[in-house]
Amino acid sequence: MTKSNYKEKRRFSRVSCALEALIRFPGSQSVPSKVVNLSIKGLLLSCKKFKPVAKSCLIRIYLGDPLSRVLIDLKGNIVAVEGDLVRIELTEMDMESFDHLKQLILLKSTSTEVVQTEFKKKTGLKPLKQPFGD
């Protein structure tokens, strides 16, 4: 994790959105956050007074009301923290979350053809083995 020397390495289109999310570290409580933007391989979260306790984390994004069961559950690695912004590289997600993420990105994208091509690329994502847990 680095503070401010994060080097841009994007290979996938990002879309802006404002969705509620939670970050959870193994053995820790969930920390509320908001999605600033996301792609098929990463996301940027805004999280007040964020203090990472590990590199690896679980992320839950709520598609609608946080009480609804329409969710995107992800696993990732924190690559940078800059003030209230947390950059996360995604490493795992289940198929349902992948489908929700794909539809969200397509809905928000200005270039659906480019995004469709990106979804066909090899992302290196693995199936989510450790669910977020409730």
C-alpha atoms as a PDB file:
ATOM      1  CA  MET A   1       0.000   0.000   0.000  1.00  0.00           C
ATOM      2  CA  THR A   2       1.307   3.398  -0.870  1.00  0.00           C
ATOM      3  CA  LYS A   3       0.127   6.831   0.121  1.00  0.00           C
ATOM      4  CA  SER A   4       0.554   9.138  -2.868  1.00  0.00           C
ATOM      5  CA  ASN A   5       2.930   7.509  -5.344  1.00  0.00           C
ATOM      6  CA  TYR A   6       0.219   5.388  -6.976  1.00  0.00           C
ATOM      7  CA  LYS A   7       1.022   4.939 -10.658  1.00  0.00           C
ATOM      8  CA  GLU A   8      -1.876   4.704 -13.099  1.00  0.00           C
ATOM      9  CA  LYS A   9      -2.080   1.231 -14.702  1.00  0.00           C
ATOM     10  CA  ARG A  10      -5.677   1.068 -15.951  1.00  0.00           C
ATOM     11  CA  ARG A  11      -6.490  -1.448 -18.658  1.00  0.00           C
ATOM     12  CA  PHE A  12     -10.259  -1.441 -18.201  1.00  0.00           C
ATOM     13  CA  SER A  13     -12.842   1.336 -18.543  1.00  0.00           C
ATOM     14  CA  ARG A  14     -14.075   2.922 -15.338  1.00  0.00           C
ATOM     15  CA  VAL A  15     -17.518   4.332 -14.721  1.00  0.00           C
ATOM     16  CA  SER A  16     -18.589   6.809 -12.069  1.00  0.00           C
ATOM     17  CA  CYS A  17     -21.299   5.874  -9.632  1.00  0.00           C
ATOM     18  CA  ALA A  18     -22.395   6.675  -6.093  1.00  0.00           C
ATOM     19  CA  LEU A  19     -23.304   3.448  -4.317  1.00  0.00           C
ATOM     20  CA  GLU A  20     -23.127   2.452  -0.671  1.00  0.00           C
ATOM     21  CA  ALA A  21     -20.470  -0.133   0.153  1.00  0.00           C
ATOM     22  CA  LEU A  22     -18.750  -1.872   3.057  1.00  0.00           C
ATOM     23  CA  ILE A  23     -15.105  -2.878   3.427  1.00  0.00           C
ATOM     24  CA  ARG A  24     -14.274  -5.773   5.743  1.00  0.00           C
ATOM     25  CA  PHE A  25     -10.917  -7.119   6.796  1.00  0.00           C
ATOM     26  CA  PRO A  26     -10.549 -10.662   8.159  1.00  0.00           C
ATOM     27  CA  GLY A  27     -11.584 -10.642  11.828  1.00  0.00           C
ATOM     28  CA  SER A  28     -12.711  -6.993  11.723  1.00  0.00           C
ATOM     29  CA  GLN A  29     -15.905  -5.024  11.637  1.00  0.00           C
ATOM     30  CA  SER A  30     -17.215  -3.612   8.386  1.00  0.00           C
ATOM     31  CA  VAL A  31     -16.318  -0.027   7.486  1.00  0.00           C
ATOM     32  CA  PRO A  32     -18.957   2.007   5.578  1.00  0.00           C
ATOM     33  CA  SER A  33     -17.829   3.603   2.317  1.00  0.00           C
ATOM     34  CA  LYS A  34     -19.109   4.929  -1.015  1.00  0.00           C
ATOM     35  CA  VAL A  35     -18.133   3.812  -4.496  1.00  0.00           C
ATOM     36  CA  VAL A  36     -16.630   6.689  -6.513  1.00  0.00           C
ATOM     37  CA  ASN A  37     -15.894   4.670  -9.657  1.00  0.00           C
ATOM     38  CA  LEU A  38     -15.363   1.081 -10.694  1.00  0.00           C
ATOM     39  CA  SER A  39     -14.262  -1.248 -13.466  1.00  0.00           C
ATOM     40  CA  ILE A  40     -14.247  -4.991 -13.989  1.00  0.00           C
ATOM     41  CA  LYS A  41     -10.843  -5.155 -12.260  1.00  0.00           C
ATOM     42  CA  GLY A  42     -10.842  -2.373  -9.664  1.00  0.00           C
ATOM     43  CA  LEU A  43     -12.659   0.298  -7.751  1.00  0.00           C
ATOM     44  CA  LEU A  44     -12.169   3.593  -5.979  1.00  0.00           C
ATOM     45  CA  LEU A  45     -13.954   4.043  -2.660  1.00  0.00           C
ATOM     46  CA  SER A  46     -14.436   7.068  -0.459  1.00  0.00           C
ATOM     47  CA  CYS A  47     -14.114   6.095   3.178  1.00  0.00           C
ATOM     48  CA  LYS A  48     -13.870   8.541   6.109  1.00  0.00           C
ATOM     49  CA  LYS A  49     -11.034   7.983   8.585  1.00  0.00           C
ATOM     50  CA  PHE A  50      -9.982   4.756   6.865  1.00  0.00           C
ATOM     51  CA  LYS A  51      -7.189   2.795   8.511  1.00  0.00           C
ATOM     52  CA  PRO A  52      -6.407  -0.434   6.647  1.00  0.00           C
ATOM     53  CA  VAL A  53      -5.492  -3.343   8.881  1.00  0.00           C
ATOM     54  CA  ALA A  54      -4.476  -5.657   6.025  1.00  0.00           C
ATOM     55  CA  LYS A  55      -3.875  -5.585   2.275  1.00  0.00           C
ATOM     56  CA  SER A  56      -6.598  -8.121   1.447  1.00  0.00           C
ATOM     57  CA  CYS A  57     -10.231  -7.168   2.054  1.00  0.00           C
ATOM     58  CA  LEU A  58     -13.807  -8.059   1.217  1.00  0.00           C
ATOM     59  CA  ILE A  59     -16.079  -5.462  -0.363  1.00  0.00           C
ATOM     60  CA  ARG A  60     -19.861  -5.441  -0.526  1.00  0.00           C
ATOM     61  CA  ILE A  61     -21.601  -2.989  -2.866  1.00  0.00           C
ATOM     62  CA  TYR A  62     -25.334  -2.366  -2.445  1.00  0.00           C
ATOM     63  CA  LEU A  63     -27.303  -1.939  -5.656  1.00  0.00           C
ATOM     64  CA  GLY A  64     -30.140   0.041  -4.146  1.00  0.00           C
ATOM     65  CA  ASP A  65     -31.263   0.138  -0.542  1.00  0.00           C
ATOM     66  CA  PRO A  66     -28.684  -1.402   1.840  1.00  0.00           C
ATOM     67  CA  LEU A  67     -31.493  -3.573   3.247  1.00  0.00           C
ATOM     68  CA  SER A  68     -32.127  -5.100  -0.172  1.00  0.00           C
ATOM     69  CA  ARG A  69     -30.434  -8.325  -1.145  1.00  0.00           C
ATOM     70  CA  VAL A  70     -29.172  -7.069  -4.511  1.00  0.00           C
ATOM     71  CA  LEU A  71     -25.431  -7.077  -3.831  1.00  0.00           C
ATOM     72  CA  ILE A  72     -22.030  -7.286  -5.407  1.00  0.00           C
ATOM     73  CA  ASP A  73     -19.603  -9.209  -3.179  1.00  0.00           C
ATOM     74  CA  LEU A  74     -15.930  -8.923  -4.049  1.00  0.00           C
ATOM     75  CA  LYS A  75     -12.494  -9.686  -2.703  1.00  0.00           C
ATOM     76  CA  GLY A  76      -9.540  -7.445  -3.469  1.00  0.00           C
ATOM     77  CA  ASN A  77      -6.240  -5.940  -2.473  1.00  0.00           C
ATOM     78  CA  ILE A  78      -5.744  -2.354  -1.385  1.00  0.00           C
ATOM     79  CA  VAL A  79      -3.196  -0.750  -3.697  1.00  0.00           C
ATOM     80  CA  ALA A  80      -3.288   2.849  -2.441  1.00  0.00           C
ATOM     81  CA  VAL A  81      -4.840   5.068   0.208  1.00  0.00           C
ATOM     82  CA  GLU A  82      -4.874   8.812  -0.405  1.00  0.00           C
ATOM     83  CA  GLY A  83      -6.785  10.774   2.223  1.00  0.00           C
ATOM     84  CA  ASP A  84     -10.359   9.429   2.173  1.00  0.00           C
ATOM     85  CA  LEU A  85      -9.844   7.588  -1.148  1.00  0.00           C
ATOM     86  CA  VAL A  86      -9.056   3.866  -1.237  1.00  0.00           C
ATOM     87  CA  ARG A  87      -7.963   2.148  -4.483  1.00  0.00           C
ATOM     88  CA  ILE A  88      -8.668  -1.575  -4.633  1.00  0.00           C
ATOM     89  CA  GLU A  89      -7.632  -4.142  -7.228  1.00  0.00           C
ATOM     90  CA  LEU A  90     -10.266  -6.866  -7.491  1.00  0.00           C
ATOM     91  CA  THR A  91      -9.109 -10.481  -7.244  1.00  0.00           C
ATOM     92  CA  GLU A  92     -12.254 -12.591  -6.684  1.00  0.00           C
ATOM     93  CA  MET A  93     -16.024 -12.455  -7.228  1.00  0.00           C
ATOM     94  CA  ASP A  94     -18.867 -14.915  -7.612  1.00  0.00           C
ATOM     95  CA  MET A  95     -20.758 -15.298 -10.876  1.00  0.00           C
ATOM     96  CA  GLU A  96     -23.843 -13.397  -9.686  1.00  0.00           C
ATOM     97  CA  SER A  97     -21.680 -10.463  -8.580  1.00  0.00           C
ATOM     98  CA  PHE A  98     -19.841 -10.572 -11.914  1.00  0.00           C
ATOM     99  CA  ASP A  99     -23.177 -10.356 -13.762  1.00  0.00           C
ATOM    100  CA  HIS A 100     -24.358  -7.435 -11.593  1.00  0.00           C
ATOM    101  CA  LEU A 101     -21.043  -5.623 -12.042  1.00  0.00           C
ATOM    102  CA  LYS A 102     -21.114  -6.156 -15.797  1.00  0.00           C
ATOM    103  CA  GLN A 103     -24.662  -4.784 -16.090  1.00  0.00           C
ATOM    104  CA  LEU A 104     -23.817  -1.789 -13.898  1.00  0.00           C
ATOM    105  CA  ILE A 105     -20.741  -0.915 -15.971  1.00  0.00           C
ATOM    106  CA  LEU A 106     -22.642  -1.331 -19.247  1.00  0.00           C
ATOM    107  CA  LEU A 107     -25.477   0.861 -17.952  1.00  0.00           C
ATOM    108  CA  LYS A 108     -23.125   3.657 -16.857  1.00  0.00           C
ATOM    109  CA  SER A 109     -20.660   3.435 -19.757  1.00  0.00           C
ATOM    110  CA  THR A 110     -20.540   5.889 -22.659  1.00  0.00           C
ATOM    111  CA  SER A 111     -18.902   3.261 -24.875  1.00  0.00           C
ATOM    112  CA  THR A 112     -20.652  -0.085 -24.509  1.00  0.00           C
ATOM    113  CA  GLU A 113     -18.714  -1.627 -27.417  1.00  0.00           C
ATOM    114  CA  VAL A 114     -15.388  -1.001 -25.680  1.00  0.00           C
ATOM    115  CA  VAL A 115     -16.736  -2.369 -22.409  1.00  0.00           C
ATOM    116  CA  GLN A 116     -18.131  -5.488 -24.116  1.00  0.00           C
ATOM    117  CA  THR A 117     -14.672  -6.130 -25.575  1.00  0.00           C
ATOM    118  CA  GLU A 118     -13.082  -5.673 -22.132  1.00  0.00           C
ATOM    119  CA  PHE A 119     -15.391  -8.267 -20.599  1.00  0.00           C
ATOM    120  CA  LYS A 120     -14.096 -10.791 -23.116  1.00  0.00           C
ATOM    121  CA  LYS A 121     -10.464 -10.160 -22.077  1.00  0.00           C
ATOM    122  CA  LYS A 122      -8.784 -12.346 -19.534  1.00  0.00           C
ATOM    123  CA  THR A 123      -9.122 -10.443 -16.245  1.00  0.00           C
ATOM    124  CA  GLY A 124      -7.427 -12.933 -13.945  1.00  0.00           C
ATOM    125  CA  LEU A 125     -10.403 -12.836 -11.563  1.00  0.00           C
ATOM    126  CA  LYS A 126     -11.033 -15.980  -9.549  1.00  0.00           C
ATOM    127  CA  PRO A 127     -14.297 -17.331  -8.095  1.00  0.00           C
ATOM    128  CA  LEU A 128     -15.015 -15.860  -4.658  1.00  0.00           C
ATOM    129  CA  LYS A 129     -14.161 -18.542  -2.086  1.00  0.00           C
ATOM    130  CA  GLN A 130     -14.705 -16.548   1.095  1.00  0.00           C
ATOM    131  CA  PRO A 131     -18.181 -14.995   1.170  1.00  0.00           C
ATOM    132  CA  PHE A 132     -18.692 -11.614   2.778  1.00  0.00           C
ATOM    133  CA  GLY A 133     -20.684 -13.188   5.589  1.00  0.00           C
ATOM    134  CA  ASP A 134     -23.707 -11.705   7.295  1.00  0.00           C
END
